[in-house]
Protein backbone atom coordinates (compact mmCIF):
# COMPACT_ATOMS: atom_id res chain seq x y z
CA MET A 1 -89.49 84.30 -0.57
CA GLY A 2 -89.03 82.87 3.09
CA LYS A 3 -85.81 81.87 4.76
CA LYS A 4 -83.59 79.10 4.21
CA VAL A 5 -84.24 75.92 6.52
CA PHE A 6 -82.61 72.49 6.84
CA VAL A 7 -84.51 69.50 6.83
CA ASP A 8 -83.37 66.28 8.52
CA LEU A 9 -83.34 63.10 5.58
CA THR A 10 -81.75 60.96 8.09
CA HIS A 11 -83.09 57.77 10.15
CA PRO A 12 -81.76 58.13 13.77
CA PHE A 13 -79.08 55.67 14.36
CA SER A 14 -78.96 53.56 17.50
CA ALA A 15 -78.04 49.89 18.62
CA GLU A 16 -81.62 48.97 17.76
CA ILE A 17 -81.80 50.40 14.14
CA PRO A 18 -83.48 48.15 11.83
CA ARG A 19 -80.85 46.56 9.54
CA TRP A 20 -80.06 44.78 6.43
CA PRO A 21 -81.00 40.87 6.97
CA TYR A 22 -77.71 39.54 7.26
CA PHE A 23 -75.92 42.36 8.90
CA ASP A 24 -74.70 42.13 12.59
CA LYS A 25 -76.30 44.34 15.22
CA PRO A 26 -74.44 47.36 16.45
CA VAL A 27 -72.74 47.33 19.18
CA ILE A 28 -72.42 50.57 21.29
CA ASP A 29 -70.04 50.77 24.59
CA ASN A 30 -68.63 52.98 26.96
CA ALA A 31 -64.85 53.75 27.01
CA HIS A 32 -65.51 56.26 29.66
CA THR A 33 -68.12 57.27 31.95
CA MET A 34 -68.96 60.38 33.92
CA ALA A 35 -69.05 58.54 37.27
CA LYS A 36 -65.79 56.76 36.60
CA GLY A 37 -63.71 59.00 34.44
CA GLY A 38 -65.75 62.41 34.55
CA VAL A 39 -66.26 62.37 30.69
CA LEU A 40 -68.43 60.20 28.32
CA THR A 41 -66.70 58.39 25.42
CA GLN A 42 -68.45 55.80 23.12
CA LYS A 43 -67.17 53.12 20.95
CA ILE A 44 -69.55 52.03 18.05
CA THR A 45 -69.09 48.70 16.10
CA CYS A 46 -71.14 48.27 13.22
CA VAL A 47 -71.59 47.53 9.26
CA MET A 48 -70.91 51.02 7.52
CA HIS A 49 -74.18 50.25 5.43
CA THR A 50 -76.15 50.41 8.49
CA GLY A 51 -79.38 52.98 8.29
CA THR A 52 -78.82 56.03 5.99
CA HIS A 53 -76.00 55.61 4.29
CA CYS A 54 -73.87 55.61 0.89
CA ASP A 55 -72.49 53.45 -1.37
CA ALA A 56 -69.12 53.51 -3.54
CA PRO A 57 -68.27 51.78 -6.29
CA ARG A 58 -66.18 49.29 -4.84
CA HIS A 59 -69.19 48.10 -2.59
CA VAL A 60 -70.55 46.04 -5.58
CA MET A 61 -68.12 45.68 -8.37
CA GLU A 62 -64.61 45.15 -9.15
CA LYS A 63 -64.14 47.14 -12.58
CA GLU A 64 -66.33 50.28 -13.65
CA PHE A 65 -67.59 50.33 -17.37
CA ASP A 66 -64.55 52.52 -18.49
CA GLY A 67 -62.26 49.77 -17.41
CA ARG A 68 -60.73 51.28 -14.51
CA ARG A 69 -60.60 49.33 -11.06
CA ALA A 70 -63.98 50.68 -9.05
CA ARG A 71 -63.46 53.65 -6.86
CA TYR A 72 -63.03 53.52 -3.20
CA THR A 73 -64.90 56.33 -0.98
CA HIS A 74 -61.78 58.26 -0.60
CA GLU A 75 -61.63 58.34 -4.67
CA MET A 76 -65.10 60.02 -5.12
CA PRO A 77 -65.12 63.65 -5.23
CA VAL A 78 -65.90 65.38 -2.05
CA ASP A 79 -69.28 66.81 -3.43
CA ALA A 80 -70.19 63.41 -5.06
CA TYR A 81 -73.30 62.91 -2.81
CA THR A 82 -74.16 66.59 -2.69
CA GLY A 83 -75.53 69.07 -4.84
CA ASP A 84 -78.82 70.53 -6.21
CA ALA A 85 -81.61 68.20 -6.06
CA VAL A 86 -85.37 67.22 -6.72
CA CYS A 87 -87.47 64.70 -4.80
CA LEU A 88 -89.59 62.81 -7.08
CA PRO A 89 -92.41 61.18 -5.47
CA ILE A 90 -92.79 57.62 -6.76
CA GLU A 91 -96.36 56.14 -7.26
CA ILE A 92 -96.33 52.29 -7.20
CA GLU A 93 -97.72 49.22 -5.92
CA ARG A 94 -96.55 47.20 -2.97
CA TRP A 95 -93.40 45.06 -4.05
CA GLY A 96 -93.55 46.93 -7.56
CA LEU A 97 -90.52 47.45 -9.79
CA ILE A 98 -89.73 51.11 -10.60
CA GLY A 99 -89.03 51.75 -14.24
CA PRO A 100 -88.81 54.48 -16.55
CA LYS A 101 -92.65 55.08 -16.70
CA HIS A 102 -92.73 55.71 -12.97
CA LEU A 103 -89.90 58.26 -13.30
CA GLU A 104 -91.25 59.94 -15.94
CA ALA A 105 -94.55 60.21 -14.09
CA ALA A 106 -92.86 61.55 -11.13
CA CYS A 107 -90.90 64.33 -13.02
CA LYS A 108 -94.33 65.31 -14.36
CA LYS A 109 -95.59 65.30 -10.75
CA ALA A 110 -92.34 67.60 -9.58
CA GLY A 111 -92.66 69.90 -12.52
CA ILE A 112 -89.42 68.79 -14.03
CA LYS A 113 -88.07 67.47 -17.29
CA ALA A 114 -86.16 64.32 -17.14
CA SER A 115 -83.84 66.29 -19.71
CA GLU A 116 -83.07 68.92 -16.63
CA LEU A 117 -81.98 65.97 -14.30
CA GLU A 118 -78.36 66.27 -15.49
CA GLY A 119 -75.65 66.68 -12.90
CA MET A 120 -78.57 66.75 -10.11
CA VAL A 121 -79.27 64.56 -7.11
CA VAL A 122 -82.47 62.48 -7.27
CA CYS A 123 -84.23 61.90 -4.35
CA LEU A 124 -87.03 58.92 -4.78
CA ASN A 125 -89.79 58.87 -2.55
CA THR A 126 -91.65 55.75 -2.89
CA GLY A 127 -93.11 55.75 0.93
CA MET A 128 -91.07 53.10 1.87
CA HIS A 129 -89.37 55.50 4.68
CA ARG A 130 -92.36 55.44 6.62
CA LYS A 131 -92.48 51.75 7.26
CA PHE A 132 -88.43 51.73 8.27
CA ASP A 133 -88.66 48.99 10.96
CA ASP A 134 -87.14 45.55 11.48
CA SER A 135 -89.97 44.06 9.40
CA LYS A 136 -90.59 41.93 6.58
CA GLU A 137 -92.58 44.88 5.12
CA TYR A 138 -89.45 46.86 4.73
CA TYR A 139 -87.19 44.41 3.82
CA HIS A 140 -88.64 41.50 1.83
CA TYR A 141 -91.51 43.73 0.17
CA SER A 142 -90.18 47.14 -0.74
CA CYS A 143 -90.58 47.95 -4.11
CA GLY A 144 -87.34 49.11 -5.87
CA THR A 145 -85.07 49.72 -8.84
CA GLY A 146 -83.59 47.41 -11.75
CA VAL A 147 -81.74 47.50 -14.74
CA GLU A 148 -84.28 49.83 -16.60
CA ALA A 149 -84.13 52.49 -14.03
CA GLY A 150 -80.33 52.04 -13.79
CA ARG A 151 -80.28 52.85 -17.41
CA TRP A 152 -82.85 55.57 -17.29
CA PHE A 153 -80.40 57.47 -14.61
CA VAL A 154 -77.30 56.84 -16.64
CA LYS A 155 -79.26 58.42 -19.93
CA HIS A 156 -80.07 61.33 -18.02
CA LYS A 157 -76.90 61.76 -16.12
CA VAL A 158 -77.81 62.31 -12.78
CA LYS A 159 -74.93 62.59 -10.39
CA CYS A 160 -76.57 60.47 -7.41
CA VAL A 161 -79.74 58.80 -6.62
CA ALA A 162 -80.94 58.55 -3.10
CA MET A 163 -83.70 55.89 -2.23
CA ASP A 164 -85.98 55.79 0.87
CA SER A 165 -86.25 52.09 0.67
CA GLN A 166 -83.82 49.45 1.84
CA ALA A 167 -81.44 49.38 -1.15
CA LEU A 168 -81.23 51.11 -4.52
CA ASP A 169 -82.31 47.91 -6.34
CA HIS A 170 -85.49 45.66 -5.88
CA PRO A 171 -85.04 43.23 -2.87
CA LEU A 172 -85.61 40.22 -5.31
CA HIS A 173 -82.49 41.78 -7.21
CA THR A 174 -80.12 41.27 -4.05
CA ALA A 175 -79.24 38.54 -2.00
CA MET A 176 -82.62 38.38 -0.22
CA GLY A 177 -83.66 36.92 -3.17
CA ASN A 178 -81.77 34.19 -5.68
CA ASN A 179 -78.95 36.24 -6.46
CA GLY A 180 -75.04 36.33 -5.48
CA MET A 181 -72.91 34.35 -3.75
CA THR A 182 -74.90 34.74 -0.47
CA ARG A 183 -78.10 34.22 -1.87
CA MET A 184 -80.60 33.75 0.78
CA ASN A 185 -84.10 33.27 -0.72
CA LEU A 186 -85.77 34.37 2.49
CA ILE A 187 -88.83 32.72 4.02
CA GLY A 188 -91.89 35.08 3.32
CA ALA A 189 -94.69 35.86 5.45
CA SER A 190 -96.75 32.91 3.84
CA GLY A 191 -93.76 30.50 4.97
CA LYS A 192 -92.91 30.22 1.35
CA PRO A 193 -89.84 31.75 -0.20
CA ILE A 194 -90.25 35.15 -1.07
CA THR A 195 -89.61 34.07 -4.88
CA GLU A 196 -92.38 31.61 -4.94
CA GLU A 197 -94.59 34.16 -3.39
CA TYR A 198 -93.41 36.83 -6.23
CA ILE A 199 -93.95 34.37 -8.82
CA GLU A 200 -97.85 33.38 -7.28
CA GLN A 201 -98.63 37.19 -7.32
CA PHE A 202 -96.85 38.50 -10.55
CA GLY A 203 -96.25 35.34 -12.60
CA GLU A 204 -92.98 33.79 -13.63
CA GLU A 205 -92.27 36.20 -16.67
CA ALA A 206 -92.38 39.11 -14.32
CA TYR A 207 -90.24 37.21 -11.73
CA ALA A 208 -87.51 36.24 -14.63
CA GLU A 209 -86.56 39.89 -14.48
CA PHE A 210 -84.89 39.16 -11.09
CA ASP A 211 -83.37 35.62 -11.59
CA LYS A 212 -80.59 35.13 -14.32
CA PHE A 213 -81.13 31.43 -14.83
CA THR A 214 -85.29 32.02 -14.96
CA TYR A 215 -84.74 34.68 -17.77
CA ILE A 216 -82.54 32.62 -19.83
CA LYS A 217 -84.83 29.64 -19.57
CA LEU A 218 -87.90 31.51 -20.65
CA PHE A 219 -86.24 34.12 -23.20
CA GLY A 220 -83.04 32.46 -24.19
CA ARG A 221 -79.48 33.46 -23.76
CA GLU A 222 -79.52 36.12 -26.67
CA ALA A 223 -82.67 37.94 -24.78
CA TYR A 224 -80.36 37.61 -21.52
CA LYS A 225 -77.16 38.99 -23.15
CA LYS A 226 -79.04 42.09 -24.96
CA LYS A 227 -80.56 43.05 -21.54
CA PHE A 228 -77.72 42.19 -19.00
CA GLY A 229 -74.68 41.55 -21.43
CA ASP A 230 -72.84 44.95 -20.48
CA LEU A 231 -72.93 44.03 -16.74
CA GLU A 232 -71.84 40.47 -17.27
CA ALA A 233 -69.04 41.86 -19.70
CA ILE A 234 -67.29 43.48 -16.72
CA GLY A 235 -67.67 40.46 -14.50
CA CYS A 236 -71.13 41.33 -12.98
CA TRP A 237 -73.88 38.79 -12.22
CA GLY A 238 -76.83 40.41 -14.61
CA THR A 239 -79.64 40.09 -12.29
CA TRP A 240 -77.72 40.71 -8.93
CA GLU A 241 -77.95 44.30 -8.25
CA PRO A 242 -77.80 45.87 -11.81
CA CYS A 243 -79.10 49.29 -10.83
CA HIS A 244 -76.47 49.45 -8.32
CA LYS A 245 -73.85 48.66 -10.76
CA LEU A 246 -75.14 50.38 -13.77
CA MET A 247 -75.17 53.57 -11.70
CA LEU A 248 -72.06 53.20 -9.65
CA GLY A 249 -70.16 51.83 -12.89
CA HIS A 250 -70.82 54.89 -14.66
CA GLY A 251 -69.82 57.24 -11.59
CA ILE A 252 -73.56 57.88 -10.41
CA VAL A 253 -73.33 57.17 -6.73
CA GLY A 254 -76.18 56.17 -4.30
CA VAL A 255 -77.81 57.00 -1.27
CA GLU A 256 -79.85 54.27 0.81
CA ASN A 257 -82.63 54.36 3.60
CA LEU A 258 -83.32 57.92 2.86
CA GLY A 259 -85.69 58.97 5.62
CA GLY A 260 -86.29 61.81 8.35
CA ASP A 261 -88.78 64.34 7.14
CA LEU A 262 -88.31 63.24 3.46
CA ASP A 263 -92.31 63.82 2.95
CA LYS A 264 -91.71 67.77 3.78
CA VAL A 265 -89.60 68.20 0.50
CA SER A 266 -91.25 65.56 -1.56
CA GLY A 267 -92.04 66.98 -5.04
CA LYS A 268 -89.75 69.79 -4.50
CA ARG A 269 -86.16 71.17 -5.63
CA PHE A 270 -83.59 72.27 -2.94
CA ARG A 271 -79.93 71.79 -1.85
CA PHE A 272 -79.05 68.26 -0.78
CA TYR A 273 -75.90 67.94 1.57
CA CYS A 274 -74.32 64.20 2.19
CA PHE A 275 -71.18 63.46 3.50
CA PRO A 276 -69.33 60.32 3.83
CA LEU A 277 -66.26 59.92 6.13
CA ARG A 278 -63.01 60.45 4.28
CA TRP A 279 -62.36 56.95 4.61
CA TYR A 280 -59.21 55.30 2.77
CA MET A 281 -60.57 52.71 0.82
CA GLY A 282 -63.92 52.32 2.10
CA ASP A 283 -66.86 50.93 0.24
CA GLY A 284 -69.31 53.64 1.69
CA SER A 285 -70.18 55.03 5.05
CA MET A 286 -73.08 55.84 7.04
CA VAL A 287 -74.09 59.68 5.99
CA ARG A 288 -76.25 62.41 7.62
CA CYS A 289 -78.49 63.77 4.82
CA VAL A 290 -79.98 67.19 5.12
CA ALA A 291 -81.88 69.41 2.73
CA GLU A 292 -81.53 73.02 2.49
CA ILE A 293 -84.82 74.66 1.20
CA ASP A 294 -86.87 77.52 1.42
CA GLU A 295 -89.20 77.35 4.52
CA ASP A 296 -92.21 78.52 2.25
CA ASP A 297 -91.39 75.73 -0.06
CA LEU A 298 -92.22 72.89 2.55
CA ASN A 299 -95.14 70.66 2.43
CA ASP A 300 -97.54 70.93 5.36
CA VAL A 301 -96.87 67.42 6.95
CA PRO A 302 -96.07 66.66 10.50
CA ASP A 303 -92.67 66.12 12.07
CA ARG A 304 -91.56 62.55 11.29
CA THR A 305 -91.71 60.26 14.69
CA TYR A 306 -89.88 57.11 15.25
CA THR A 307 -91.20 53.99 17.40
CA TYR A 308 -88.85 51.36 16.90
CA GLY A 309 -86.24 50.28 19.75
CA GLY A 310 -88.50 52.16 22.19
CA CYS A 311 -87.84 55.80 20.27
CA ILE A 312 -90.70 58.21 20.08
């Protein structure tokens, strides 16, 4: 057995960091400089959901499933995002919807039973962290989870889910598609809205999973109620970030934009450390995510390098 080492699972932060399509650009300025004041003091203005960050329940909902008001960051246990972990290697097509079959297959590949996940942090390595950039490929065409994956995490009583993609949910479950008050239905690479591109590629029935009104049109209100009714019952739009809400509404917190040297721990078990700011009434926080693992267990892959914003 080798010594314990720490592996950074965080994307580097800068003013040029890639960010979600409607987030403001981070502004980094100096309050003091060496030449003027003999010290360097910087100030940052940015959305807390920039880069590698965590979500609190209040970020996406007013009520949790037990009827309580959705909790803020300061109301979560100090170790809510930290614990024994496993990194599941997810194999899925571009823009695919991650479901139980993908998660079960990843557990088998990692040598862990789904029944062993109770109380653990589950990291998902979909390969999207390697594409982290200000690009349609990373944001519009990411794979992601949905209602069925959310129920799987709840069923297996995991503690936290850390994703290496743009959000816990598939992009079409977010406002990039046709969901929520801020729905953008962004234009894709073809010049058509991404919702239309998805239908052309996967068909309208597959797309209905992401669109409340299409689902009701194709399958009826009763089928919609059966699939999304528990979300609607607590005031949530069923197809709008359902994995977020199923998890967070049951006390399972999430981390998004996991990155760094994630490939070094893919398929492995380790100790995962992630702490948000102790932010009173916060909706989440930028975080530093780190894996503690025996160095003999590391995968033999090159160190991660970054090129966005001129970084090398």
